[in-house]
């Protein structure tokens, strides 16, 4: 039996949320950022098929931090230009230390260093899935953006192939691997940039992972 259109829409919506978050925490380029502001985020808010108050509030909270589509591409462009130095300050380089590193190892390893055991385990997961870390940046495999892309891959394959074993793996990855360290990451972002765009995006990320981890009926057959 095929999934009903309503279930399919819910699954697709969750994948779209994960894709958006991967773009945000990878650091969108100017064109991608403008599209995200003018179309991506407003569309997710207006088409949300899930009756999940926490997720709905997180999406609306994120939308409240961006210029509305009615303000046009120039306003979106200025907003995106302002996001770039904030992204660097929060996640890449800052005096006194980076407030919220984008790497799992930095939040869960004893010495909070890059390329800890978490990175090695993530490297193994990518290899087992036949995936490689792409792009010129050569980021460690436990970068938040890479973990989100891996989660997207596992869930999209599981739903597309009706593969319950892969789905279970994706749900466990969301709840037992990502969620614990992402909560720490989100708290760090909140301390460094309360009520900012990235703090609200981190809140949406936690909401999505919590929803997956709960094992609700809408992400199963």
Protein backbone atom coordinates (compact mmCIF):
# COMPACT_ATOMS: atom_id res chain seq x y z
CA UNK A 1 0.00 0.00 0.00
CA UNK A 2 1.35 3.39 -0.98
CA UNK A 3 1.59 6.23 1.51
CA UNK A 4 -1.38 8.57 1.43
CA UNK A 5 -0.86 12.04 -0.09
CA UNK A 6 -1.13 13.57 3.39
CA UNK A 7 1.65 11.35 4.76
CA UNK A 8 3.76 12.02 1.68
CA UNK A 9 3.33 15.77 2.14
CA UNK A 10 4.43 15.50 5.76
CA UNK A 11 7.52 13.55 4.84
CA UNK A 12 8.41 15.95 2.06
CA UNK A 13 7.89 18.88 4.41
CA UNK A 14 10.30 17.41 6.97
CA UNK A 15 12.88 16.85 4.23
CA UNK A 16 12.43 20.46 3.11
CA UNK A 17 13.03 21.65 6.68
CA UNK A 18 16.20 19.57 6.92
CA UNK A 19 17.40 20.87 3.56
CA UNK A 20 16.80 24.47 4.65
CA UNK A 21 18.73 23.93 7.87
CA UNK A 22 21.62 22.32 6.00
CA UNK A 23 21.82 25.41 3.78
CA UNK A 24 21.71 27.77 6.76
CA UNK A 25 24.42 26.04 8.75
CA UNK A 26 26.64 25.37 5.75
CA UNK A 27 26.61 29.14 5.15
CA UNK A 28 24.45 30.11 2.13
CA UNK A 29 25.87 32.13 -0.74
CA UNK A 30 24.18 35.41 -1.64
CA UNK A 31 21.80 33.95 -4.23
CA UNK A 32 20.79 30.96 -2.12
CA UNK A 33 20.32 33.19 0.91
CA UNK A 34 18.02 35.57 -0.97
CA UNK A 35 15.91 32.68 -2.23
CA UNK A 36 15.71 31.30 1.30
CA UNK A 37 14.49 34.67 2.64
CA UNK A 38 12.07 35.50 -0.16
CA UNK A 39 10.64 32.05 -0.85
CA UNK A 40 12.01 29.15 1.18
CA UNK A 41 11.14 30.14 4.73
CA UNK A 42 7.78 31.84 3.93
CA UNK A 43 6.70 28.79 1.91
CA UNK A 44 7.51 26.40 4.75
CA UNK A 45 5.48 28.53 7.17
CA UNK A 46 2.48 28.80 4.85
CA UNK A 47 2.38 25.14 3.76
CA UNK A 48 3.21 23.41 7.04
CA UNK A 49 1.03 20.22 7.10
CA UNK A 50 2.09 19.12 10.58
CA UNK A 51 -0.06 19.67 13.65
CA UNK A 52 2.98 20.14 15.88
CA UNK A 53 2.86 23.36 17.95
CA UNK A 54 6.57 23.37 18.80
CA UNK A 55 7.62 23.06 15.17
CA UNK A 56 5.02 25.60 14.03
CA UNK A 57 6.23 28.11 16.62
CA UNK A 58 9.87 27.56 15.68
CA UNK A 59 9.14 28.19 11.99
CA UNK A 60 7.13 31.32 12.72
CA UNK A 61 9.85 32.52 15.07
CA UNK A 62 12.43 32.11 12.30
CA UNK A 63 10.22 33.95 9.82
CA UNK A 64 9.80 36.83 12.26
CA UNK A 65 13.56 37.45 12.14
CA UNK A 66 13.74 38.02 8.36
CA UNK A 67 12.42 40.80 6.10
CA UNK A 68 9.06 39.95 4.57
CA UNK A 69 8.88 39.06 0.85
CA UNK A 70 6.95 42.27 0.26
CA UNK A 71 10.11 44.25 1.04
CA UNK A 72 11.75 42.89 -2.08
CA UNK A 73 15.07 41.46 -3.16
CA UNK A 74 17.11 44.50 -2.07
CA UNK A 75 16.02 44.12 1.55
CA UNK A 76 16.73 40.39 1.37
CA UNK A 77 20.16 41.12 -0.07
CA UNK A 78 21.01 43.55 2.73
CA UNK A 79 19.84 41.04 5.31
CA UNK A 80 22.00 38.33 3.78
CA UNK A 81 25.01 40.66 3.71
CA UNK A 82 24.56 41.27 7.42
CA UNK A 83 24.29 37.53 8.08
CA UNK A 84 27.73 36.78 6.67
CA UNK A 85 29.84 38.46 9.38
CA UNK A 86 27.48 37.09 12.03
CA UNK A 87 27.99 33.59 10.67
CA UNK A 88 31.75 34.07 10.88
CA UNK A 89 31.54 35.48 14.42
CA UNK A 90 29.38 32.67 15.75
CA UNK A 91 30.79 29.68 13.93
CA UNK A 92 34.18 30.36 12.34
CA UNK A 93 36.38 32.92 14.06
CA UNK A 94 35.99 35.32 16.97
CA UNK A 95 38.16 36.97 19.53
CA UNK A 96 38.22 34.90 22.69
CA UNK A 97 37.08 31.74 20.90
CA UNK A 98 34.28 30.63 18.61
CA UNK A 99 30.98 30.75 20.54
CA UNK A 100 29.29 27.83 18.79
CA UNK A 101 31.52 25.52 16.72
CA UNK A 102 29.70 23.65 13.99
CA UNK A 103 31.37 20.32 14.81
CA UNK A 104 29.92 17.58 16.99
CA UNK A 105 33.37 16.78 18.42
CA UNK A 106 33.67 20.27 19.85
CA UNK A 107 30.56 19.75 21.97
CA UNK A 108 30.89 16.15 23.14
CA UNK A 109 34.61 15.33 23.32
CA UNK A 110 36.45 15.77 26.61
CA UNK A 111 38.88 18.32 25.19
CA UNK A 112 36.27 19.96 22.90
CA UNK A 113 38.66 19.61 19.96
CA UNK A 114 37.91 19.18 16.27
CA UNK A 115 38.27 15.69 14.74
CA UNK A 116 37.48 13.69 17.86
CA UNK A 117 35.85 10.27 17.98
CA UNK A 118 32.57 11.75 16.76
CA UNK A 119 34.21 12.80 13.52
CA UNK A 120 35.69 9.35 13.00
CA UNK A 121 32.33 7.68 13.58
CA UNK A 122 30.68 10.09 11.16
CA UNK A 123 33.35 9.35 8.57
CA UNK A 124 32.53 5.65 8.90
CA UNK A 125 28.80 6.32 8.49
CA UNK A 126 29.43 8.28 5.31
CA UNK A 127 31.64 5.54 3.91
CA UNK A 128 29.07 2.85 4.72
CA UNK A 129 26.43 4.90 2.90
CA UNK A 130 28.71 5.39 -0.11
CA UNK A 131 28.91 9.13 0.49
CA UNK A 132 31.86 11.50 0.43
CA UNK A 133 32.37 14.95 1.89
CA UNK A 134 32.26 17.23 -1.13
CA UNK A 135 33.24 20.81 -1.83
CA UNK A 136 36.48 22.72 -1.50
CA UNK A 137 36.35 23.30 2.24
CA UNK A 138 37.44 19.82 3.38
CA UNK A 139 35.34 20.13 6.51
CA UNK A 140 35.56 17.40 9.17
CA UNK A 141 32.76 14.87 8.65
CA UNK A 142 30.95 15.81 11.87
CA UNK A 143 30.18 19.32 10.61
CA UNK A 144 26.52 20.14 11.30
CA UNK A 145 25.79 20.72 7.63
CA UNK A 146 27.22 17.34 6.68
CA UNK A 147 25.28 15.54 9.40
CA UNK A 148 22.08 17.20 8.18
CA UNK A 149 22.79 16.16 4.62
CA UNK A 150 23.42 12.61 5.81
CA UNK A 151 20.12 12.63 7.72
CA UNK A 152 18.34 13.93 4.61
CA UNK A 153 19.89 11.15 2.53
CA UNK A 154 18.88 8.39 4.94
CA UNK A 155 15.29 9.59 5.38
CA UNK A 156 14.69 10.30 1.69
CA UNK A 157 16.01 6.86 0.76
CA UNK A 158 14.01 5.16 3.51
CA UNK A 159 10.74 6.83 2.54
CA UNK A 160 11.34 6.46 -1.18
CA UNK A 161 12.25 2.76 -0.94
CA UNK A 162 9.85 1.90 1.91
CA UNK A 163 12.88 0.69 3.84
CA UNK A 164 11.96 0.40 7.53
CA UNK A 165 15.48 -0.58 8.56
CA UNK A 166 16.98 2.52 6.95
CA UNK A 167 14.21 4.62 8.45
CA UNK A 168 14.99 3.27 11.90
CA UNK A 169 18.65 4.12 11.34
CA UNK A 170 17.78 7.67 10.29
CA UNK A 171 15.46 8.21 13.25
CA UNK A 172 18.06 6.85 15.69
CA UNK A 173 20.72 9.05 14.11
CA UNK A 174 18.48 12.11 14.57
CA UNK A 175 17.59 11.29 18.17
CA UNK A 176 20.65 9.64 19.67
CA UNK A 177 23.53 11.14 17.69
CA UNK A 178 22.43 14.60 16.57
CA UNK A 179 19.90 15.77 19.15
CA UNK A 180 22.12 15.62 22.28
CA UNK A 181 24.92 17.70 20.82
CA UNK A 182 22.64 19.98 18.81
CA UNK A 183 20.89 20.97 22.03
CA UNK A 184 24.28 22.04 23.42
CA UNK A 185 25.05 23.83 20.17
CA UNK A 186 21.69 25.65 20.21
CA UNK A 187 22.26 26.77 23.79
CA UNK A 188 25.66 28.19 22.82
CA UNK A 189 24.15 30.06 19.87
CA UNK A 190 21.44 31.43 22.15
CA UNK A 191 23.98 32.75 24.62
CA UNK A 192 26.04 34.44 21.91
CA UNK A 193 23.18 35.78 19.77
CA UNK A 194 19.87 35.75 21.66
CA UNK A 195 16.84 36.17 19.39
CA UNK A 196 19.02 36.39 16.29
CA UNK A 197 18.42 34.56 13.01
CA UNK A 198 20.85 31.77 13.81
CA UNK A 199 19.47 31.28 17.31
CA UNK A 200 16.01 30.85 15.81
CA UNK A 201 17.34 28.52 13.13
CA UNK A 202 18.96 26.42 15.87
CA UNK A 203 15.60 26.35 17.65
CA UNK A 204 13.95 25.03 14.48
CA UNK A 205 16.68 22.41 14.17
CA UNK A 206 16.05 21.15 17.71
CA UNK A 207 12.29 21.04 17.01
CA UNK A 208 12.77 18.96 13.84
CA UNK A 209 15.14 16.51 15.53
CA UNK A 210 12.84 16.15 18.53
CA UNK A 211 9.93 15.42 16.23
CA UNK A 212 11.89 12.72 14.43
CA UNK A 213 13.21 11.26 17.68
CA UNK A 214 9.69 10.91 19.09
CA UNK A 215 8.82 8.47 16.33
CA UNK A 216 5.47 10.07 15.37
CA UNK A 217 3.15 8.23 13.00
CA UNK A 218 3.55 10.76 10.21
CA UNK A 219 7.13 9.67 9.40
CA UNK A 220 6.29 5.97 9.21
CA UNK A 221 4.29 3.99 6.69
